[in-house]
C-alpha atoms as a PDB file:
ATOM      1  CA  MET A   1     134.197  80.296-103.606  1.00  0.00           C
ATOM      2  CA  GLY A   2     136.202  77.745-103.560  1.00  0.00           C
ATOM      3  CA  ASN A   3     133.763  75.127-102.757  1.00  0.00           C
ATOM      4  CA  TYR A   4     131.383  76.243-105.800  1.00  0.00           C
ATOM      5  CA  ARG A   5     131.514  72.580-106.743  1.00  0.00           C
ATOM      6  CA  ASN A   6     129.534  71.175-104.151  1.00  0.00           C
ATOM      7  CA  MET A   7     126.568  73.437-104.712  1.00  0.00           C
ATOM      8  CA  ILE A   8     126.193  73.979-108.461  1.00  0.00           C
ATOM      9  CA  SER A   9     127.148  71.289-111.522  1.00  0.00           C
ATOM     10  CA  LYS A  10     129.292  71.446-114.457  1.00  0.00           C
ATOM     11  CA  THR A  11     126.232  72.132-116.570  1.00  0.00           C
ATOM     12  CA  GLU A  12     124.881  75.096-114.413  1.00  0.00           C
ATOM     13  CA  CYS A  13     127.933  76.541-114.980  1.00  0.00           C
ATOM     14  CA  LEU A  14     128.562  76.228-118.403  1.00  0.00           C
ATOM     15  CA  ILE A  15     124.996  78.578-118.612  1.00  0.00           C
ATOM     16  CA  THR A  16     125.556  80.580-116.647  1.00  0.00           C
ATOM     17  CA  ALA A  17     128.437  81.424-118.552  1.00  0.00           C
ATOM     18  CA  LEU A  18     126.745  81.548-121.536  1.00  0.00           C
ATOM     19  CA  VAL A  19     123.645  83.852-119.886  1.00  0.00           C
ATOM     20  CA  TRP A  20     126.344  86.171-118.884  1.00  0.00           C
ATOM     21  CA  SER A  21     127.769  86.507-122.111  1.00  0.00           C
ATOM     22  CA  VAL A  22     124.612  86.907-123.697  1.00  0.00           C
ATOM     23  CA  ILE A  23     124.021  89.904-121.999  1.00  0.00           C
ATOM     24  CA  PRO A  24     127.031  91.711-123.076  1.00  0.00           C
ATOM     25  CA  ALA A  25     126.517  90.840-126.745  1.00  0.00           C
ATOM     26  CA  LEU A  26     123.319  92.304-126.949  1.00  0.00           C
ATOM     27  CA  GLN A  27     124.327  95.273-124.881  1.00  0.00           C
ATOM     28  CA  ILE A  28     126.461  96.161-127.767  1.00  0.00           C
ATOM     29  CA  ILE A  29     124.357  95.029-130.732  1.00  0.00           C
ATOM     30  CA  PHE A  30     122.004  97.920-128.593  1.00  0.00           C
ATOM     31  CA  PHE A  31     124.768 100.099-128.651  1.00  0.00           C
ATOM     32  CA  LEU A  32     125.225  99.777-132.305  1.00  0.00           C
ATOM     33  CA  ILE A  33     121.785 100.276-132.810  1.00  0.00           C
ATOM     34  CA  TYR A  34     121.167 103.360-130.703  1.00  0.00           C
ATOM     35  CA  GLY A  35     124.740 104.591-130.161  1.00  0.00           C
ATOM     36  CA  ARG A  36     124.365 108.495-132.262  1.00  0.00           C
ATOM     37  CA  THR A  37     121.197 108.797-130.148  1.00  0.00           C
ATOM     38  CA  ILE A  38     122.811 108.166-127.038  1.00  0.00           C
ATOM     39  CA  GLY A  39     124.735 111.462-125.109  1.00  0.00           C
ATOM     40  CA  THR A  40     128.192 111.512-123.635  1.00  0.00           C
ATOM     41  CA  SER A  41     127.338 110.801-120.333  1.00  0.00           C
ATOM     42  CA  GLY A  42     125.306 107.667-121.782  1.00  0.00           C
ATOM     43  CA  VAL A  43     128.214 106.310-123.701  1.00  0.00           C
ATOM     44  CA  VAL A  44     130.447 106.295-120.784  1.00  0.00           C
ATOM     45  CA  TYR A  45     127.988 104.662-118.444  1.00  0.00           C
ATOM     46  CA  CYS A  46     127.601 102.248-121.226  1.00  0.00           C
ATOM     47  CA  VAL A  47     130.920 101.629-121.985  1.00  0.00           C
ATOM     48  CA  LEU A  48     131.755 100.928-117.795  1.00  0.00           C
ATOM     49  CA  LEU A  49     128.619  98.364-117.684  1.00  0.00           C
ATOM     50  CA  LEU A  50     129.926  97.017-120.653  1.00  0.00           C
ATOM     51  CA  LEU A  51     133.193  96.754-119.137  1.00  0.00           C
ATOM     52  CA  LEU A  52     131.801  95.214-115.831  1.00  0.00           C
ATOM     53  CA  GLN A  53     129.642  92.759-117.948  1.00  0.00           C
ATOM     54  CA  LEU A  54     132.470  91.627-119.566  1.00  0.00           C
ATOM     55  CA  SER A  55     134.246  90.757-116.725  1.00  0.00           C
ATOM     56  CA  ALA A  56     131.592  88.842-115.096  1.00  0.00           C
ATOM     57  CA  ALA A  57     131.623  86.781-118.334  1.00  0.00           C
ATOM     58  CA  VAL A  58     134.963  86.412-117.791  1.00  0.00           C
ATOM     59  CA  PHE A  59     134.710  84.834-114.432  1.00  0.00           C
ATOM     60  CA  HIS A  60     131.864  82.875-114.743  1.00  0.00           C
ATOM     61  CA  TRP A  61     133.698  81.459-118.115  1.00  0.00           C
ATOM     62  CA  TYR A  62     137.139  80.830-115.838  1.00  0.00           C
ATOM     63  CA  ARG A  63     135.166  79.144-113.621  1.00  0.00           C
ATOM     64  CA  TYR A  64     133.247  77.152-115.968  1.00  0.00           C
ATOM     65  CA  MET A  65     136.751  75.444-117.466  1.00  0.00           C
ATOM     66  CA  THR A  66     138.735  75.294-113.910  1.00  0.00           C
ATOM     67  CA  TYR A  67     135.622  73.292-113.068  1.00  0.00           C
ATOM     68  CA  ASP A  68     137.203  70.039-112.775  1.00  0.00           C
ATOM     69  CA  LYS A  69     141.200  71.024-112.955  1.00  0.00           C
ATOM     70  CA  LYS A  70     141.212  71.212-108.740  1.00  0.00           C
ATOM     71  CA  ALA A  71     139.593  68.103-106.539  1.00  0.00           C
ATOM     72  CA  ASN A  72     137.034  68.609-104.716  1.00  0.00           C
ATOM     73  CA  ARG A  73     138.139  69.177-101.304  1.00  0.00           C
END
């Protein structure tokens, strides 16, 4: 994972972080609109999926923010 700077540009890191931030936002909107019609087990699955998506978004934002912090080796 340390040499991702050789494969992806900083702009691509930003685009990836933005896309991974939009996906959980859309899921939250969906949950607010249709949350009452989803069963209990469906709510649990939605929350777990949301946590996974948020963790992926945090990872991509971290990768974007630290892109220039370490020297390219």
